[in-house]
Amino acid sequence: MQTRTLGSLDQRSSVLVYGAAALSDVDQDTADASIAEALDAGINHFDVAASYGDAELRLGPAMPDIRDRIFLATKTGERTAEAAYRQINDSLERLRTDHVDLLQLHAVGDLAELDRVCAPDGALAGAVRAREEGLVGAVGITGHGHAAPATHLEALRRYDFATVLTPLNYTLGRRADYYRDWQALAAETQRRGVGLLTIKSGSRRNWPDGADHRYTTWYEPLDEQEYITASVSWVLSHPEITGIPTPSDVRLLRYFVAAERSLQSRAEAEQVLATVPDYSSPFLRQVI
């Protein structure tokens, strides 16, 4: 699998990042099989969070065998220094490791949340403490929503985050204001050597009212290979992006692996994506 450099970190990450939210509500056998599928495909960057149900617990049993083969990232959604520090330690216990390579402040999608985590007693202080103690290798930030790119640009003015994880897909890119903010963020990450990861490449739209939620994603995902290949291709046609976390359903992993093996040009991808029915931002009705 193609790899790209993760900002200024000494890390070449696979362009597909294993989105371990897919393990939040599966049994251990299913988790083990999905982890093996990802490793066999060449994925070497795993992304999880304390808030993803049982995902850290499902990843933990594999750590003795895979820890030295993967870049391991987790997240804290806590907002105070003490709570974040405790949650980081709890994550290490669940993951059965003495450190993670990246700890991300999670779901910081607007300025009010950014103010909370960057306060003197905010979660950032807890993450920095954990880094100084060797519990985490680097500190990043994530967020959802239409204000996420602008918020993350402001975050980089306040602290030297090693990575940013922010949303992008074709339909978000069609929103002129959003794409302008995203491009400004991308330019700043390049200037400063910050790793840029992107989420929601596989989103089609919010689940319609009354729809059968046939996947464990909070949004309705693309689930046709043609559309997934085009979406992955479109996002990865942006050279600033290191990688794409795979969706939070183990059944969708194989489609993303197949997409990475048959990437298209941006122009080809746009021709396909322009035909996706009912394609819209997943943040018209944000549910997380």
Protein backbone atom coordinates (compact mmCIF):
# COMPACT_ATOMS: atom_id res chain seq x y z
CA MET A 1 0.00 0.00 0.00
CA GLN A 2 1.13 3.54 -0.77
CA THR A 3 2.58 5.43 2.20
CA ARG A 4 3.04 9.13 2.90
CA THR A 5 5.05 11.05 5.47
CA LEU A 6 3.06 12.12 8.51
CA GLY A 7 4.11 15.75 8.87
CA SER A 8 7.36 16.16 10.75
CA LEU A 9 7.02 12.88 12.60
CA ASP A 10 9.37 10.04 11.80
CA GLN A 11 6.53 8.05 10.31
CA ARG A 12 5.52 6.82 6.88
CA SER A 13 1.83 6.00 7.24
CA SER A 14 -0.27 3.93 4.89
CA VAL A 15 -2.71 6.12 3.00
CA LEU A 16 -5.50 4.06 4.51
CA VAL A 17 -5.61 4.38 8.28
CA TYR A 18 -7.44 1.64 10.16
CA GLY A 19 -10.50 3.31 11.68
CA ALA A 20 -10.88 1.21 14.80
CA ALA A 21 -14.26 2.74 15.58
CA ALA A 22 -15.37 -0.25 13.50
CA LEU A 23 -14.52 -2.41 16.54
CA SER A 24 -16.75 -0.53 18.95
CA ASP A 25 -19.46 -3.20 19.07
CA VAL A 26 -18.10 -6.45 17.64
CA ASP A 27 -16.93 -9.65 19.28
CA GLN A 28 -13.25 -10.48 19.65
CA ASP A 29 -13.17 -12.97 16.77
CA THR A 30 -14.63 -10.37 14.39
CA ALA A 31 -12.15 -7.78 15.67
CA ASP A 32 -9.20 -10.15 15.25
CA ALA A 33 -10.23 -10.95 11.69
CA SER A 34 -10.64 -7.28 10.77
CA ILE A 35 -7.27 -6.34 12.27
CA ALA A 36 -5.63 -9.16 10.31
CA GLU A 37 -7.38 -8.00 7.13
CA ALA A 38 -5.98 -4.50 7.62
CA LEU A 39 -2.44 -5.71 8.29
CA ASP A 40 -2.53 -8.06 5.31
CA ALA A 41 -3.55 -5.09 3.12
CA GLY A 42 -0.49 -3.13 4.25
CA ILE A 43 -2.16 -0.76 6.72
CA ASN A 44 0.34 0.33 9.37
CA HIS A 45 -1.51 3.24 11.06
CA PHE A 46 -4.33 2.42 13.50
CA ASP A 47 -6.67 5.08 14.90
CA VAL A 48 -8.95 4.52 17.89
CA ALA A 49 -10.52 6.56 20.71
CA ALA A 50 -11.52 6.08 24.31
CA SER A 51 -15.11 6.91 23.35
CA TYR A 52 -15.39 4.23 20.65
CA GLY A 53 -17.29 1.67 22.73
CA ASP A 54 -15.16 -1.45 23.24
CA ALA A 55 -12.75 -0.64 20.41
CA GLU A 56 -9.65 -0.20 22.60
CA LEU A 57 -10.50 -3.44 24.41
CA ARG A 58 -10.84 -5.27 21.08
CA LEU A 59 -7.47 -3.90 19.86
CA GLY A 60 -5.64 -4.68 23.07
CA PRO A 61 -5.22 -8.46 22.67
CA ALA A 62 -3.38 -7.96 19.37
CA MET A 63 -0.81 -5.54 20.78
CA PRO A 64 1.84 -8.05 21.91
CA ASP A 65 2.11 -9.25 18.30
CA ILE A 66 1.60 -6.02 16.34
CA ARG A 67 2.71 -3.09 18.50
CA ASP A 68 6.11 -2.74 16.84
CA ARG A 69 4.49 -2.95 13.38
CA ILE A 70 1.97 -0.14 13.68
CA PHE A 71 1.66 3.56 14.40
CA LEU A 72 -0.95 3.68 17.16
CA ALA A 73 -3.17 6.71 17.72
CA THR A 74 -5.96 7.21 20.21
CA LYS A 75 -8.09 10.16 21.31
CA THR A 76 -9.49 11.78 24.41
CA GLY A 77 -12.78 13.64 24.42
CA GLU A 78 -12.27 14.94 27.93
CA ARG A 79 -12.01 18.70 28.35
CA THR A 80 -10.02 19.17 31.57
CA ALA A 81 -6.35 18.39 32.13
CA GLU A 82 -6.89 15.92 34.95
CA ALA A 83 -9.70 14.02 33.23
CA ALA A 84 -7.77 13.83 29.96
CA TYR A 85 -4.64 12.58 31.72
CA ARG A 86 -6.63 9.87 33.51
CA GLN A 87 -8.33 8.83 30.30
CA ILE A 88 -5.00 8.54 28.49
CA ASN A 89 -3.77 6.17 31.18
CA ASP A 90 -7.01 4.19 30.99
CA SER A 91 -6.55 3.91 27.22
CA LEU A 92 -3.04 2.53 27.65
CA GLU A 93 -4.37 -0.11 30.02
CA ARG A 94 -7.14 -1.12 27.61
CA LEU A 95 -4.75 -1.14 24.66
CA ARG A 96 -2.17 -3.20 26.61
CA THR A 97 0.72 -0.89 25.79
CA ASP A 98 2.89 1.56 27.68
CA HIS A 99 2.56 4.34 25.11
CA VAL A 100 0.70 5.49 22.02
CA ASP A 101 2.42 7.24 19.14
CA LEU A 102 -0.24 9.94 18.87
CA LEU A 103 -2.85 11.29 21.29
CA GLN A 104 -5.51 13.46 19.68
CA LEU A 105 -7.84 15.94 21.36
CA HIS A 106 -11.13 14.66 20.00
CA ALA A 107 -14.18 16.40 18.52
CA VAL A 108 -12.83 19.95 18.65
CA GLY A 109 -14.97 21.33 15.83
CA ASP A 110 -15.64 24.93 16.84
CA LEU A 111 -13.99 27.78 18.69
CA ALA A 112 -15.91 27.19 21.91
CA GLU A 113 -14.51 23.65 22.14
CA LEU A 114 -11.05 24.90 21.20
CA ASP A 115 -11.21 27.46 24.01
CA ARG A 116 -12.10 24.69 26.45
CA VAL A 117 -9.24 22.36 25.52
CA CYS A 118 -6.68 25.18 25.34
CA ALA A 119 -7.61 26.71 28.70
CA PRO A 120 -4.87 26.62 31.37
CA ASP A 121 -6.56 23.61 32.98
CA GLY A 122 -7.86 22.19 29.68
CA ALA A 123 -7.29 18.82 28.05
CA LEU A 124 -4.27 20.07 26.11
CA ALA A 125 -2.38 20.49 29.38
CA GLY A 126 -3.16 16.88 30.29
CA ALA A 127 -1.99 15.68 26.87
CA VAL A 128 1.25 17.65 27.14
CA ARG A 129 1.87 16.14 30.57
CA ALA A 130 1.38 12.66 29.12
CA ARG A 131 3.79 13.45 26.29
CA GLU A 132 6.41 14.75 28.71
CA GLU A 133 6.10 11.50 30.69
CA GLY A 134 6.55 9.39 27.54
CA LEU A 135 3.00 8.05 27.54
CA VAL A 136 2.29 9.61 24.13
CA GLY A 137 4.69 10.42 21.33
CA ALA A 138 2.89 13.43 19.89
CA VAL A 139 -0.29 15.46 20.31
CA GLY A 140 -2.87 16.11 17.58
CA ILE A 141 -6.39 17.46 17.23
CA THR A 142 -9.57 16.26 15.50
CA GLY A 143 -13.02 17.66 14.81
CA HIS A 144 -16.28 17.37 12.89
CA GLY A 145 -18.57 19.92 11.32
CA HIS A 146 -18.46 22.69 8.77
CA ALA A 147 -16.36 24.88 11.07
CA ALA A 148 -13.67 22.23 11.63
CA PRO A 149 -11.03 23.41 9.11
CA ALA A 150 -11.18 27.02 10.29
CA THR A 151 -11.13 25.86 13.91
CA HIS A 152 -8.10 23.67 13.29
CA LEU A 153 -6.28 26.50 11.57
CA GLU A 154 -6.83 28.59 14.69
CA ALA A 155 -5.68 25.64 16.80
CA LEU A 156 -2.34 25.67 15.00
CA ARG A 157 -1.93 29.33 15.96
CA ARG A 158 -2.38 28.41 19.62
CA TYR A 159 -0.29 25.24 19.86
CA ASP A 160 2.19 23.28 17.79
CA PHE A 161 -0.01 20.25 17.15
CA ALA A 162 1.79 17.44 15.34
CA THR A 163 -1.29 16.34 13.39
CA VAL A 164 -4.74 17.53 12.39
CA LEU A 165 -7.63 15.24 11.47
CA THR A 166 -10.36 17.21 9.68
CA PRO A 167 -13.19 16.26 7.29
CA LEU A 168 -13.02 16.28 3.49
CA ASN A 169 -14.87 14.57 0.69
CA TYR A 170 -16.06 15.55 -2.76
CA THR A 171 -19.37 17.02 -1.66
CA LEU A 172 -17.73 19.05 1.12
CA GLY A 173 -15.23 20.23 -1.48
CA ARG A 174 -18.13 21.53 -3.57
CA ARG A 175 -19.03 23.96 -0.77
CA ALA A 176 -16.94 27.01 -1.72
CA ASP A 177 -16.62 28.38 1.81
CA TYR A 178 -15.72 25.01 3.27
CA TYR A 179 -13.14 24.16 0.61
CA ARG A 180 -11.57 27.60 0.98
CA ASP A 181 -11.14 27.00 4.71
CA TRP A 182 -9.82 23.50 4.09
CA GLN A 183 -7.25 24.76 1.56
CA ALA A 184 -6.07 27.41 4.01
CA LEU A 185 -5.61 24.74 6.66
CA ALA A 186 -3.82 22.44 4.22
CA ALA A 187 -1.42 25.21 3.21
CA GLU A 188 -0.61 25.92 6.85
CA THR A 189 0.01 22.25 7.64
CA GLN A 190 2.43 22.11 4.73
CA ARG A 191 4.21 25.27 5.85
CA ARG A 192 4.60 24.01 9.41
CA GLY A 193 5.19 20.33 8.78
CA VAL A 194 1.95 19.22 10.43
CA GLY A 195 0.48 15.86 9.48
CA LEU A 196 -2.92 16.20 7.79
CA LEU A 197 -5.42 13.35 7.98
CA THR A 198 -8.98 13.49 6.71
CA ILE A 199 -12.25 11.88 7.74
CA LYS A 200 -15.63 11.30 6.11
CA SER A 201 -14.29 10.40 2.67
CA GLY A 202 -16.80 7.55 2.61
CA SER A 203 -19.88 9.50 3.71
CA ARG A 204 -22.85 9.81 1.35
CA ARG A 205 -25.21 11.85 3.59
CA ASN A 206 -26.99 11.79 6.94
CA TRP A 207 -29.24 8.80 7.43
CA PRO A 208 -32.70 9.81 6.18
CA ASP A 209 -35.44 9.84 8.78
CA GLY A 210 -36.85 6.36 9.16
CA ALA A 211 -34.06 4.70 7.15
CA ASP A 212 -32.76 1.27 8.04
CA HIS A 213 -29.32 1.90 9.55
CA ARG A 214 -27.74 -1.10 7.89
CA TYR A 215 -24.21 -0.01 8.83
CA THR A 216 -22.74 1.02 12.17
CA THR A 217 -21.64 4.40 10.81
CA TRP A 218 -23.49 7.46 12.21
CA TYR A 219 -23.90 8.69 8.62
CA GLU A 220 -25.08 6.76 5.58
CA PRO A 221 -21.89 5.59 3.84
CA LEU A 222 -21.08 5.05 0.23
CA ASP A 223 -21.19 1.29 -0.25
CA GLU A 224 -20.77 0.80 -3.99
CA GLN A 225 -17.20 0.04 -5.09
CA GLU A 226 -17.34 2.49 -7.99
CA TYR A 227 -18.25 5.38 -5.70
CA ILE A 228 -15.83 4.41 -2.93
CA THR A 229 -12.94 4.13 -5.39
CA ALA A 230 -13.78 7.55 -6.80
CA SER A 231 -14.11 9.11 -3.34
CA VAL A 232 -10.82 7.67 -2.06
CA SER A 233 -9.14 8.74 -5.30
CA TRP A 234 -10.50 12.28 -5.05
CA VAL A 235 -9.38 12.76 -1.47
CA LEU A 236 -5.93 11.23 -2.03
CA SER A 237 -5.44 13.42 -5.13
CA HIS A 238 -4.67 16.13 -2.55
CA PRO A 239 -0.96 15.56 -1.87
CA GLU A 240 -1.15 17.40 1.46
CA ILE A 241 -3.19 14.54 2.93
CA THR A 242 -1.33 11.67 4.58
CA GLY A 243 -4.22 9.29 4.99
CA ILE A 244 -7.90 8.42 5.30
CA PRO A 245 -9.31 6.53 8.30
CA THR A 246 -11.56 3.73 7.09
CA PRO A 247 -15.26 3.81 8.12
CA SER A 248 -16.64 2.53 11.39
CA ASP A 249 -18.01 -0.71 10.02
CA VAL A 250 -15.77 -3.74 9.48
CA ARG A 251 -17.71 -4.72 6.35
CA LEU A 252 -16.59 -1.59 4.48
CA LEU A 253 -12.84 -2.10 4.93
CA ARG A 254 -12.45 -4.33 1.88
CA TYR A 255 -13.99 -1.70 -0.40
CA PHE A 256 -11.43 0.88 0.72
CA VAL A 257 -8.56 -1.56 0.27
CA ALA A 258 -9.77 -2.29 -3.26
CA ALA A 259 -10.09 1.44 -3.93
CA GLU A 260 -6.49 2.13 -2.93
CA ARG A 261 -5.34 -0.53 -5.38
CA SER A 262 -7.11 1.14 -8.32
CA LEU A 263 -6.80 4.88 -7.77
CA GLN A 264 -8.10 7.24 -10.46
CA SER A 265 -7.16 10.76 -11.47
CA ARG A 266 -9.06 13.60 -9.83
CA ALA A 267 -10.87 14.33 -13.09
CA GLU A 268 -11.97 10.71 -13.48
CA ALA A 269 -13.11 10.60 -9.86
CA GLU A 270 -15.13 13.79 -10.23
CA GLN A 271 -16.98 12.40 -13.23
CA VAL A 272 -18.10 9.42 -11.13
CA LEU A 273 -18.86 11.37 -7.95
CA ALA A 274 -21.03 13.83 -9.83
CA THR A 275 -23.44 10.93 -10.41
CA VAL A 276 -23.80 9.83 -6.77
CA PRO A 277 -27.50 10.12 -5.85
CA ASP A 278 -28.50 12.01 -2.72
CA TYR A 279 -24.91 13.09 -2.05
CA SER A 280 -24.60 15.78 0.63
CA SER A 281 -22.61 16.93 3.62
CA PRO A 282 -22.81 14.62 6.64
CA PHE A 283 -22.94 17.72 8.82
CA LEU A 284 -26.33 19.03 7.75
CA ARG A 285 -27.58 17.19 10.81
CA GLN A 286 -24.64 16.34 13.00
CA VAL A 287 -25.33 13.51 15.42
CA ILE A 288 -22.03 13.21 17.31
